[in-house]
Amino acid sequence: MNPRIPNWNDLRIFLEVARAGTLSGAAAKLKVDHSTISRHIAQLEMAVNAPVFERNHQGFHITAKGRELLEHVEGMESAALAIGESLSGAYRTPSGPVRIATMEGIASLYLSTQFVGFKSLHPLIQVELVTSTQLVHVNQREADIFLSFFPSEGKGLEVEPIGAFPLHLYAADSYLATYGTPQSVAELDQHKFVSYVDDLIQLNTVRWLEEAVTRPNVVFHSSSMIAQMFAAADAGGIVMLPAFSRAERFGLRPLLLSEIDVKRTIWMTVHRDRCFTPRIKEVQKFLREILKRDFPLPPGIRVKKLET
């Protein structure tokens, strides 16, 4: 049987199943029932004369043929979105949703307040700020923009460093009144710390306390940086936090500023097909501007060249 041109509706449903990995996930996104999705996938496989998914109890796993097809379908999706924006006048006035995925701390403690000002500049752009402790795949359209503390890798990605923030040790006055204020890094051996749950750390870039203190005595663990901060604010111990947290507003005092030197770079990732979309370009521009203002890059950090 010779392959024939697939139907766009079949391809659209294939795209959502590939991203969701399950029928239920795709059905919820498309607001259709499972049987409808199964029928469209069967029609597509008949059209291309090959299976595009392998099915098992864990979900749908894309085949080599499916991956080949997926690259073309994503290009079709990007072109269709660009046509829609052009016809709607979006190239004159950027509008529509832009989803930014990043870690909880920088989203809640820094970006959330910054985007209040962005809304006054671009009232027609709807920013969706999504928090995740894991790698977000912009090449699978899980987000339009991904901000991370490491450079992403993958096909078709534009990745650039846009800022670098220092990290400091912080403690509450009530903690320092009980245990004393450390005057040197050596004295930190006598103190208690708040940090992450070690076996739940999914991104090694947040193992920053270990860079400042050798074998810290951690007495409170949390997978949430915000929970750590508030535990420290209630005298739970010394905590290491990024400068963007502005922990001083919660009653925490920075310690040993001249002795501790730990930094992280902020990387912005966008899929190459989307980086010329006006609304996404405006959000990228805004992110570059605020990071350059608040946490500028030191010299020597360059864009990571990725596979094309």
C-alpha atoms as a PDB file:
ATOM      1  CA  MET A   1       0.000   0.000   0.000  1.00  0.00           C
ATOM      2  CA  ASN A   2       1.407   3.401  -0.958  1.00  0.00           C
ATOM      3  CA  PRO A   3       1.337   6.208   1.645  1.00  0.00           C
ATOM      4  CA  ARG A   4      -1.092   9.043   0.950  1.00  0.00           C
ATOM      5  CA  ILE A   5      -1.302  12.632   2.173  1.00  0.00           C
ATOM      6  CA  PRO A   6      -2.500  12.570   5.819  1.00  0.00           C
ATOM      7  CA  ASN A   7      -5.550  14.504   6.946  1.00  0.00           C
ATOM      8  CA  TRP A   8      -4.721  17.631   9.027  1.00  0.00           C
ATOM      9  CA  ASN A   9      -7.161  16.659  11.786  1.00  0.00           C
ATOM     10  CA  ASP A  10      -5.369  13.323  12.116  1.00  0.00           C
ATOM     11  CA  LEU A  11      -2.033  15.136  12.303  1.00  0.00           C
ATOM     12  CA  ARG A  12      -3.309  17.617  14.892  1.00  0.00           C
ATOM     13  CA  ILE A  13      -4.477  14.812  17.150  1.00  0.00           C
ATOM     14  CA  PHE A  14      -1.232  12.911  16.581  1.00  0.00           C
ATOM     15  CA  LEU A  15       0.660  16.013  17.742  1.00  0.00           C
ATOM     16  CA  GLU A  16      -1.256  16.208  21.021  1.00  0.00           C
ATOM     17  CA  VAL A  17      -0.881  12.496  21.737  1.00  0.00           C
ATOM     18  CA  ALA A  18       2.873  12.755  21.075  1.00  0.00           C
ATOM     19  CA  ARG A  19       3.115  15.609  23.582  1.00  0.00           C
ATOM     20  CA  ALA A  20       0.830  14.112  26.212  1.00  0.00           C
ATOM     21  CA  GLY A  21       2.047  10.527  25.923  1.00  0.00           C
ATOM     22  CA  THR A  22      -1.405   9.204  26.842  1.00  0.00           C
ATOM     23  CA  LEU A  23      -4.892   9.118  25.337  1.00  0.00           C
ATOM     24  CA  SER A  24      -6.378  10.698  28.461  1.00  0.00           C
ATOM     25  CA  GLY A  25      -3.949  13.610  28.397  1.00  0.00           C
ATOM     26  CA  ALA A  26      -4.602  14.322  24.741  1.00  0.00           C
ATOM     27  CA  ALA A  27      -8.361  13.872  25.190  1.00  0.00           C
ATOM     28  CA  ALA A  28      -8.409  16.425  28.018  1.00  0.00           C
ATOM     29  CA  LYS A  29      -6.477  18.935  25.923  1.00  0.00           C
ATOM     30  CA  LEU A  30      -8.597  18.475  22.813  1.00  0.00           C
ATOM     31  CA  LYS A  31     -11.890  17.978  24.692  1.00  0.00           C
ATOM     32  CA  VAL A  32     -12.782  14.821  22.766  1.00  0.00           C
ATOM     33  CA  ASP A  33     -13.284  11.215  23.854  1.00  0.00           C
ATOM     34  CA  HIS A  34     -10.729   8.414  23.676  1.00  0.00           C
ATOM     35  CA  SER A  35     -12.436   6.640  20.798  1.00  0.00           C
ATOM     36  CA  THR A  36     -12.201   9.752  18.624  1.00  0.00           C
ATOM     37  CA  ILE A  37      -8.460   9.996  19.243  1.00  0.00           C
ATOM     38  CA  SER A  38      -7.938   6.293  18.576  1.00  0.00           C
ATOM     39  CA  ARG A  39      -9.844   6.559  15.294  1.00  0.00           C
ATOM     40  CA  HIS A  40      -7.755   9.506  14.076  1.00  0.00           C
ATOM     41  CA  ILE A  41      -4.479   7.800  15.011  1.00  0.00           C
ATOM     42  CA  ALA A  42      -5.585   4.648  13.153  1.00  0.00           C
ATOM     43  CA  GLN A  43      -6.445   6.756  10.084  1.00  0.00           C
ATOM     44  CA  LEU A  44      -3.045   8.449  10.216  1.00  0.00           C
ATOM     45  CA  GLU A  45      -1.190   5.140  10.487  1.00  0.00           C
ATOM     46  CA  MET A  46      -3.155   3.862   7.512  1.00  0.00           C
ATOM     47  CA  ALA A  47      -2.243   7.003   5.544  1.00  0.00           C
ATOM     48  CA  VAL A  48       1.505   6.762   6.253  1.00  0.00           C
ATOM     49  CA  ASN A  49       1.444   2.958   6.072  1.00  0.00           C
ATOM     50  CA  ALA A  50       3.378   2.614   9.345  1.00  0.00           C
ATOM     51  CA  PRO A  51       2.730   2.731  13.094  1.00  0.00           C
ATOM     52  CA  VAL A  52       3.419   6.131  14.668  1.00  0.00           C
ATOM     53  CA  PHE A  53       3.064   4.915  18.268  1.00  0.00           C
ATOM     54  CA  GLU A  54       3.819   1.810  20.262  1.00  0.00           C
ATOM     55  CA  ARG A  55       1.130   1.178  22.879  1.00  0.00           C
ATOM     56  CA  ASN A  56       1.576  -0.378  26.303  1.00  0.00           C
ATOM     57  CA  HIS A  57       0.076  -0.022  29.784  1.00  0.00           C
ATOM     58  CA  GLN A  58       2.230   3.065  30.442  1.00  0.00           C
ATOM     59  CA  GLY A  59       0.963   5.022  27.458  1.00  0.00           C
ATOM     60  CA  PHE A  60       1.845   5.844  23.876  1.00  0.00           C
ATOM     61  CA  HIS A  61       5.517   5.821  22.846  1.00  0.00           C
ATOM     62  CA  ILE A  62       6.409   7.441  19.556  1.00  0.00           C
ATOM     63  CA  THR A  63       8.099   5.286  16.922  1.00  0.00           C
ATOM     64  CA  ALA A  64      10.958   6.259  14.595  1.00  0.00           C
ATOM     65  CA  LYS A  65       8.386   6.960  11.869  1.00  0.00           C
ATOM     66  CA  GLY A  66       6.374   8.982  14.354  1.00  0.00           C
ATOM     67  CA  ARG A  67       9.409  11.110  15.305  1.00  0.00           C
ATOM     68  CA  GLU A  68      10.093  11.793  11.642  1.00  0.00           C
ATOM     69  CA  LEU A  69       6.479  12.831  11.147  1.00  0.00           C
ATOM     70  CA  LEU A  70       6.422  14.901  14.343  1.00  0.00           C
ATOM     71  CA  GLU A  71       9.156  17.234  13.107  1.00  0.00           C
ATOM     72  CA  HIS A  72       7.110  18.078  10.012  1.00  0.00           C
ATOM     73  CA  VAL A  73       3.864  18.491  11.936  1.00  0.00           C
ATOM     74  CA  GLU A  74       5.450  20.896  14.416  1.00  0.00           C
ATOM     75  CA  GLY A  75       6.666  22.976  11.489  1.00  0.00           C
ATOM     76  CA  MET A  76       3.123  22.990  10.080  1.00  0.00           C
ATOM     77  CA  GLU A  77       1.774  24.075  13.468  1.00  0.00           C
ATOM     78  CA  SER A  78       4.247  26.968  13.683  1.00  0.00           C
ATOM     79  CA  ALA A  79       3.358  28.102  10.162  1.00  0.00           C
ATOM     80  CA  ALA A  80      -0.360  27.923  10.938  1.00  0.00           C
ATOM     81  CA  LEU A  81       0.102  29.997  14.102  1.00  0.00           C
ATOM     82  CA  ALA A  82       2.116  32.581  12.182  1.00  0.00           C
ATOM     83  CA  ILE A  83      -0.623  32.840   9.540  1.00  0.00           C
ATOM     84  CA  GLY A  84      -3.267  33.265  12.240  1.00  0.00           C
ATOM     85  CA  GLU A  85      -1.336  36.030  13.943  1.00  0.00           C
ATOM     86  CA  SER A  86      -0.694  37.799  10.659  1.00  0.00           C
ATOM     87  CA  LEU A  87      -4.363  37.736   9.702  1.00  0.00           C
ATOM     88  CA  SER A  88      -5.411  38.942  13.166  1.00  0.00           C
ATOM     89  CA  GLY A  89      -3.072  41.920  13.012  1.00  0.00           C
ATOM     90  CA  ALA A  90      -0.814  40.527  15.721  1.00  0.00           C
ATOM     91  CA  TYR A  91       2.244  41.674  13.793  1.00  0.00           C
ATOM     92  CA  ARG A  92       1.120  45.240  14.393  1.00  0.00           C
ATOM     93  CA  THR A  93       0.017  44.826  17.999  1.00  0.00           C
ATOM     94  CA  PRO A  94       1.487  41.758  19.748  1.00  0.00           C
ATOM     95  CA  SER A  95      -1.251  39.792  21.447  1.00  0.00           C
ATOM     96  CA  GLY A  96      -2.097  36.360  22.744  1.00  0.00           C
ATOM     97  CA  PRO A  97      -0.755  33.959  25.374  1.00  0.00           C
ATOM     98  CA  VAL A  98       2.939  33.364  26.097  1.00  0.00           C
ATOM     99  CA  ARG A  99       3.764  30.519  28.462  1.00  0.00           C
ATOM    100  CA  ILE A 100       6.970  30.853  30.474  1.00  0.00           C
ATOM    101  CA  ALA A 101       8.181  27.845  32.437  1.00  0.00           C
ATOM    102  CA  THR A 102      10.785  28.135  35.163  1.00  0.00           C
ATOM    103  CA  MET A 103      11.637  27.153  38.733  1.00  0.00           C
ATOM    104  CA  GLU A 104       9.320  27.998  41.610  1.00  0.00           C
ATOM    105  CA  GLY A 105      11.635  30.425  43.381  1.00  0.00           C
ATOM    106  CA  ILE A 106      12.434  32.779  40.523  1.00  0.00           C
ATOM    107  CA  ALA A 107       8.829  32.661  39.299  1.00  0.00           C
ATOM    108  CA  SER A 108       7.238  33.450  42.668  1.00  0.00           C
ATOM    109  CA  LEU A 109       9.810  35.760  44.223  1.00  0.00           C
ATOM    110  CA  TYR A 110      11.014  37.716  41.184  1.00  0.00           C
ATOM    111  CA  LEU A 111       9.184  37.296  37.880  1.00  0.00           C
ATOM    112  CA  SER A 112       5.663  37.516  39.310  1.00  0.00           C
ATOM    113  CA  THR A 113       6.220  41.111  40.393  1.00  0.00           C
ATOM    114  CA  GLN A 114       8.149  42.071  37.250  1.00  0.00           C
ATOM    115  CA  PHE A 115       5.336  41.017  34.948  1.00  0.00           C
ATOM    116  CA  VAL A 116       2.919  43.415  36.617  1.00  0.00           C
ATOM    117  CA  GLY A 117       4.829  46.198  34.854  1.00  0.00           C
ATOM    118  CA  PHE A 118       4.964  44.232  31.615  1.00  0.00           C
ATOM    119  CA  LYS A 119       1.161  44.122  31.491  1.00  0.00           C
ATOM    120  CA  SER A 120       0.971  47.908  31.360  1.00  0.00           C
ATOM    121  CA  LEU A 121       3.337  47.889  28.362  1.00  0.00           C
ATOM    122  CA  HIS A 122       1.613  45.050  26.493  1.00  0.00           C
ATOM    123  CA  PRO A 123      -1.999  44.729  27.675  1.00  0.00           C
ATOM    124  CA  LEU A 124      -2.926  42.280  24.884  1.00  0.00           C
ATOM    125  CA  ILE A 125      -0.255  39.714  25.782  1.00  0.00           C
ATOM    126  CA  GLN A 126      -1.335  37.154  28.382  1.00  0.00           C
ATOM    127  CA  VAL A 127       1.666  35.858  30.301  1.00  0.00           C
ATOM    128  CA  GLU A 128       1.281  32.349  31.741  1.00  0.00           C
ATOM    129  CA  LEU A 129       3.955  31.725  34.384  1.00  0.00           C
ATOM    130  CA  VAL A 130       4.348  27.985  35.001  1.00  0.00           C
ATOM    131  CA  THR A 131       6.576  26.544  37.722  1.00  0.00           C
ATOM    132  CA  SER A 132       8.371  23.230  37.353  1.00  0.00           C
ATOM    133  CA  THR A 133      11.206  21.439  39.153  1.00  0.00           C
ATOM    134  CA  GLN A 134      12.038  19.510  35.989  1.00  0.00           C
ATOM    135  CA  LEU A 135      13.374  20.191  32.527  1.00  0.00           C
ATOM    136  CA  VAL A 136      10.653  21.689  30.337  1.00  0.00           C
ATOM    137  CA  HIS A 137      10.792  20.803  26.646  1.00  0.00           C
ATOM    138  CA  VAL A 138      10.070  23.828  24.496  1.00  0.00           C
ATOM    139  CA  ASN A 139      10.729  21.663  21.423  1.00  0.00           C
ATOM    140  CA  GLN A 140       7.629  19.699  22.486  1.00  0.00           C
ATOM    141  CA  ARG A 141       5.673  22.933  23.030  1.00  0.00           C
ATOM    142  CA  GLU A 142       5.334  22.419  26.790  1.00  0.00           C
ATOM    143  CA  ALA A 143       6.135  26.140  27.026  1.00  0.00           C
ATOM    144  CA  ASP A 144       7.029  29.004  24.706  1.00  0.00           C
ATOM    145  CA  ILE A 145       9.975  30.148  26.829  1.00  0.00           C
ATOM    146  CA  PHE A 146      11.985  28.184  29.376  1.00  0.00           C
ATOM    147  CA  LEU A 147      14.158  29.937  31.955  1.00  0.00           C
ATOM    148  CA  SER A 148      16.631  27.683  33.718  1.00  0.00           C
ATOM    149  CA  PHE A 149      19.913  27.645  35.613  1.00  0.00           C
ATOM    150  CA  PHE A 150      21.510  25.465  32.916  1.00  0.00           C
ATOM    151  CA  PRO A 151      21.664  25.569  29.098  1.00  0.00           C
ATOM    152  CA  SER A 152      19.037  23.342  27.485  1.00  0.00           C
ATOM    153  CA  GLU A 153      19.982  20.963  24.697  1.00  0.00           C
ATOM    154  CA  GLY A 154      17.878  19.780  21.818  1.00  0.00           C
ATOM    155  CA  LYS A 155      17.157  20.157  18.150  1.00  0.00           C
ATOM    156  CA  GLY A 156      15.878  23.495  16.881  1.00  0.00           C
ATOM    157  CA  LEU A 157      16.479  25.470  20.087  1.00  0.00           C
ATOM    158  CA  GLU A 158      17.741  29.021  20.541  1.00  0.00           C
ATOM    159  CA  VAL A 159      19.511  29.195  23.908  1.00  0.00           C
ATOM    160  CA  GLU A 160      21.126  32.284  25.424  1.00  0.00           C
ATOM    161  CA  PRO A 161      22.385  33.432  28.825  1.00  0.00           C
ATOM    162  CA  ILE A 162      20.489  36.542  29.930  1.00  0.00           C
ATOM    163  CA  GLY A 163      21.564  37.083  33.533  1.00  0.00           C
ATOM    164  CA  ALA A 164      23.579  35.779  36.472  1.00  0.00           C
ATOM    165  CA  PHE A 165      22.600  36.044  40.125  1.00  0.00           C
ATOM    166  CA  PRO A 166      24.658  35.613  43.300  1.00  0.00           C
ATOM    167  CA  LEU A 167      23.547  33.436  46.204  1.00  0.00           C
ATOM    168  CA  HIS A 168      23.974  34.419  49.841  1.00  0.00           C
ATOM    169  CA  LEU A 169      23.631  32.793  53.234  1.00  0.00           C
ATOM    170  CA  TYR A 170      20.774  34.268  55.256  1.00  0.00           C
ATOM    171  CA  ALA A 171      19.592  33.960  58.847  1.00  0.00           C
ATOM    172  CA  ALA A 172      16.934  35.544  61.046  1.00  0.00           C
ATOM    173  CA  ASP A 173      17.939  37.870  63.882  1.00  0.00           C
ATOM    174  CA  SER A 174      16.234  35.482  66.303  1.00  0.00           C
ATOM    175  CA  TYR A 175      18.440  32.614  65.099  1.00  0.00           C
ATOM    176  CA  LEU A 176      21.578  34.756  65.350  1.00  0.00           C
ATOM    177  CA  ALA A 177      20.614  35.869  68.864  1.00  0.00           C
ATOM    178  CA  THR A 178      20.532  32.216  69.951  1.00  0.00           C
ATOM    179  CA  TYR A 179      23.478  30.762  68.025  1.00  0.00           C
ATOM    180  CA  GLY A 180      25.619  33.807  67.323  1.00  0.00           C
ATOM    181  CA  THR A 181      26.628  35.453  64.054  1.00  0.00           C
ATOM    182  CA  PRO A 182      29.347  33.558  62.155  1.00  0.00           C
ATOM    183  CA  GLN A 183      32.384  35.716  61.469  1.00  0.00           C
ATOM    184  CA  SER A 184      34.081  33.313  59.052  1.00  0.00           C
ATOM    185  CA  VAL A 185      33.328  30.318  56.836  1.00  0.00           C
ATOM    186  CA  ALA A 186      35.127  28.099  59.364  1.00  0.00           C
ATOM    187  CA  GLU A 187      32.590  29.042  62.051  1.00  0.00           C
ATOM    188  CA  LEU A 188      29.728  27.697  59.915  1.00  0.00           C
ATOM    189  CA  ASP A 189      30.586  24.212  61.213  1.00  0.00           C
ATOM    190  CA  GLN A 190      28.942  25.275  64.480  1.00  0.00           C
ATOM    191  CA  HIS A 191      25.624  26.235  62.869  1.00  0.00           C
ATOM    192  CA  LYS A 192      22.375  24.667  61.688  1.00  0.00           C
ATOM    193  CA  PHE A 193      21.115  24.856  58.123  1.00  0.00           C
ATOM    194  CA  VAL A 194      17.973  24.664  56.047  1.00  0.00           C
ATOM    195  CA  SER A 195      18.248  23.060  52.596  1.00  0.00           C
ATOM    196  CA  TYR A 196      16.749  20.772  49.960  1.00  0.00           C
ATOM    197  CA  VAL A 197      15.731  17.128  50.389  1.00  0.00           C
ATOM    198  CA  ASP A 198      18.824  15.534  48.923  1.00  0.00           C
ATOM    199  CA  ASP A 199      17.295  12.508  47.205  1.00  0.00           C
ATOM    200  CA  LEU A 200      14.501  14.625  45.697  1.00  0.00           C
ATOM    201  CA  ILE A 201      16.827  17.106  44.001  1.00  0.00           C
ATOM    202  CA  GLN A 202      16.190  16.794  40.259  1.00  0.00           C
ATOM    203  CA  LEU A 203      18.442  19.643  39.117  1.00  0.00           C
ATOM    204  CA  ASN A 204      22.000  19.588  40.379  1.00  0.00           C
ATOM    205  CA  THR A 205      22.280  23.325  39.817  1.00  0.00           C
ATOM    206  CA  VAL A 206      20.349  23.881  43.079  1.00  0.00           C
ATOM    207  CA  ARG A 207      23.013  22.094  45.146  1.00  0.00           C
ATOM    208  CA  TRP A 208      24.418  25.526  45.940  1.00  0.00           C
ATOM    209  CA  LEU A 209      24.757  25.175  49.708  1.00  0.00           C
ATOM    210  CA  GLU A 210      27.383  22.454  49.190  1.00  0.00           C
ATOM    211  CA  GLU A 211      29.512  24.945  47.244  1.00  0.00           C
ATOM    212  CA  ALA A 212      29.649  27.290  50.220  1.00  0.00           C
ATOM    213  CA  VAL A 213      29.718  24.957  53.216  1.00  0.00           C
ATOM    214  CA  THR A 214      31.472  21.601  53.578  1.00  0.00           C
ATOM    215  CA  ARG A 215      29.129  19.013  55.141  1.00  0.00           C
ATOM    216  CA  PRO A 216      26.528  21.461  56.499  1.00  0.00           C
ATOM    217  CA  ASN A 217      24.443  20.334  59.471  1.00  0.00           C
ATOM    218  CA  VAL A 218      21.018  20.435  57.803  1.00  0.00           C
ATOM    219  CA  VAL A 219      18.201  20.272  60.356  1.00  0.00           C
ATOM    220  CA  PHE A 220      15.266  21.186  58.083  1.00  0.00           C
ATOM    221  CA  HIS A 221      14.765  19.824  54.553  1.00  0.00           C
ATOM    222  CA  SER A 222      12.243  20.860  51.912  1.00  0.00           C
ATOM    223  CA  SER A 223      11.914  20.454  48.163  1.00  0.00           C
ATOM    224  CA  SER A 224      10.536  24.020  48.122  1.00  0.00           C
ATOM    225  CA  MET A 225      12.917  26.964  48.194  1.00  0.00           C
ATOM    226  CA  ILE A 226      10.118  29.160  49.505  1.00  0.00           C
ATOM    227  CA  ALA A 227       9.443  26.741  52.372  1.00  0.00           C
ATOM    228  CA  GLN A 228      13.150  26.829  53.206  1.00  0.00           C
ATOM    229  CA  MET A 229      13.120  30.602  53.262  1.00  0.00           C
ATOM    230  CA  PHE A 230      10.202  30.820  55.671  1.00  0.00           C
ATOM    231  CA  ALA A 231      11.644  28.128  57.906  1.00  0.00           C
ATOM    232  CA  ALA A 232      14.835  30.181  58.153  1.00  0.00           C
ATOM    233  CA  ALA A 233      12.813  33.334  58.797  1.00  0.00           C
ATOM    234  CA  ASP A 234      11.335  31.574  61.841  1.00  0.00           C
ATOM    235  CA  ALA A 235      14.840  30.800  63.209  1.00  0.00           C
ATOM    236  CA  GLY A 236      14.979  27.291  61.708  1.00  0.00           C
ATOM    237  CA  GLY A 237      18.595  27.705  60.605  1.00  0.00           C
ATOM    238  CA  ILE A 238      20.816  29.380  58.037  1.00  0.00           C
ATOM    239  CA  VAL A 239      19.636  29.122  54.433  1.00  0.00           C
ATOM    240  CA  MET A 240      21.292  29.818  51.071  1.00  0.00           C
ATOM    241  CA  LEU A 241      19.057  31.805  48.741  1.00  0.00           C
ATOM    242  CA  PRO A 242      19.387  33.572  45.387  1.00  0.00           C
ATOM    243  CA  ALA A 243      19.642  37.350  45.566  1.00  0.00           C
ATOM    244  CA  PHE A 244      16.455  37.634  43.474  1.00  0.00           C
ATOM    245  CA  SER A 245      14.487  36.299  46.457  1.00  0.00           C
ATOM    246  CA  ARG A 246      15.012  39.648  48.245  1.00  0.00           C
ATOM    247  CA  ALA A 247      14.966  37.689  51.484  1.00  0.00           C
ATOM    248  CA  GLU A 248      15.552  40.827  53.558  1.00  0.00           C
ATOM    249  CA  ARG A 249      11.854  41.723  53.154  1.00  0.00           C
ATOM    250  CA  PHE A 250      11.036  38.572  55.156  1.00  0.00           C
ATOM    251  CA  GLY A 251      13.324  39.446  58.037  1.00  0.00           C
ATOM    252  CA  LEU A 252      16.431  37.563  56.901  1.00  0.00           C
ATOM    253  CA  ARG A 253      19.923  39.028  57.100  1.00  0.00           C
ATOM    254  CA  PRO A 254      22.739  38.178  54.632  1.00  0.00           C
ATOM    255  CA  LEU A 255      25.895  36.668  56.136  1.00  0.00           C
ATOM    256  CA  LEU A 256      29.553  36.559  55.092  1.00  0.00           C
ATOM    257  CA  LEU A 257      28.970  38.486  51.873  1.00  0.00           C
ATOM    258  CA  SER A 258      32.662  38.934  51.135  1.00  0.00           C
ATOM    259  CA  GLU A 259      33.575  35.310  51.961  1.00  0.00           C
ATOM    260  CA  ILE A 260      30.912  33.399  50.009  1.00  0.00           C
ATOM    261  CA  ASP A 261      31.003  33.484  46.202  1.00  0.00           C
ATOM    262  CA  VAL A 262      28.364  31.271  44.597  1.00  0.00           C
ATOM    263  CA  LYS A 263      26.629  32.270  41.342  1.00  0.00           C
ATOM    264  CA  ARG A 264      24.262  30.844  38.764  1.00  0.00           C
ATOM    265  CA  THR A 265      23.569  31.860  35.178  1.00  0.00           C
ATOM    266  CA  ILE A 266      20.004  32.241  33.912  1.00  0.00           C
ATOM    267  CA  TRP A 267      19.488  30.703  30.459  1.00  0.00           C
ATOM    268  CA  MET A 268      16.552  31.455  28.167  1.00  0.00           C
ATOM    269  CA  THR A 269      15.403  28.775  25.716  1.00  0.00           C
ATOM    270  CA  VAL A 270      12.953  29.289  22.838  1.00  0.00           C
ATOM    271  CA  HIS A 271      12.182  27.045  19.911  1.00  0.00           C
ATOM    272  CA  ARG A 272      13.615  28.449  16.694  1.00  0.00           C
ATOM    273  CA  ASP A 273      10.198  28.272  15.003  1.00  0.00           C
ATOM    274  CA  ARG A 274       8.669  30.533  17.649  1.00  0.00           C
ATOM    275  CA  CYS A 275      11.361  33.103  18.391  1.00  0.00           C
ATOM    276  CA  PHE A 276      10.132  35.446  15.630  1.00  0.00           C
ATOM    277  CA  THR A 277       6.540  35.448  16.848  1.00  0.00           C
ATOM    278  CA  PRO A 278       5.841  39.067  17.917  1.00  0.00           C
ATOM    279  CA  ARG A 279       4.327  38.333  21.316  1.00  0.00           C
ATOM    280  CA  ILE A 280       7.151  35.931  22.193  1.00  0.00           C
ATOM    281  CA  LYS A 281       9.758  38.415  20.948  1.00  0.00           C
ATOM    282  CA  GLU A 282       8.339  41.089  23.259  1.00  0.00           C
ATOM    283  CA  VAL A 283       8.474  38.803  26.286  1.00  0.00           C
ATOM    284  CA  GLN A 284      12.040  37.772  25.429  1.00  0.00           C
ATOM    285  CA  LYS A 285      13.040  41.423  25.097  1.00  0.00           C
ATOM    286  CA  PHE A 286      11.477  42.225  28.469  1.00  0.00           C
ATOM    287  CA  LEU A 287      13.261  39.333  30.179  1.00  0.00           C
ATOM    288  CA  ARG A 288      16.604  40.392  28.731  1.00  0.00           C
ATOM    289  CA  GLU A 289      16.050  43.970  29.923  1.00  0.00           C
ATOM    290  CA  ILE A 290      15.088  43.209  33.512  1.00  0.00           C
ATOM    291  CA  LEU A 291      17.865  40.651  33.982  1.00  0.00           C
ATOM    292  CA  LYS A 292      20.440  43.025  32.492  1.00  0.00           C
ATOM    293  CA  ARG A 293      19.222  45.704  34.901  1.00  0.00           C
ATOM    294  CA  ASP A 294      19.042  43.568  38.050  1.00  0.00           C
ATOM    295  CA  PHE A 295      21.451  40.663  37.535  1.00  0.00           C
ATOM    296  CA  PRO A 296      23.762  41.408  34.581  1.00  0.00           C
ATOM    297  CA  LEU A 297      25.943  38.745  33.047  1.00  0.00           C
ATOM    298  CA  PRO A 298      29.630  38.765  33.955  1.00  0.00           C
ATOM    299  CA  PRO A 299      32.016  38.844  30.991  1.00  0.00           C
ATOM    300  CA  GLY A 300      32.895  35.556  29.340  1.00  0.00           C
ATOM    301  CA  ILE A 301      29.534  33.757  29.359  1.00  0.00           C
ATOM    302  CA  ARG A 302      28.503  32.990  25.806  1.00  0.00           C
ATOM    303  CA  VAL A 303      25.592  31.426  23.980  1.00  0.00           C
ATOM    304  CA  LYS A 304      25.772  27.633  23.803  1.00  0.00           C
ATOM    305  CA  LYS A 305      25.745  26.494  20.174  1.00  0.00           C
ATOM    306  CA  LEU A 306      23.261  23.697  19.698  1.00  0.00           C
ATOM    307  CA  GLU A 307      22.434  21.128  17.047  1.00  0.00           C
ATOM    308  CA  THR A 308      20.651  22.514  14.008  1.00  0.00           C
END
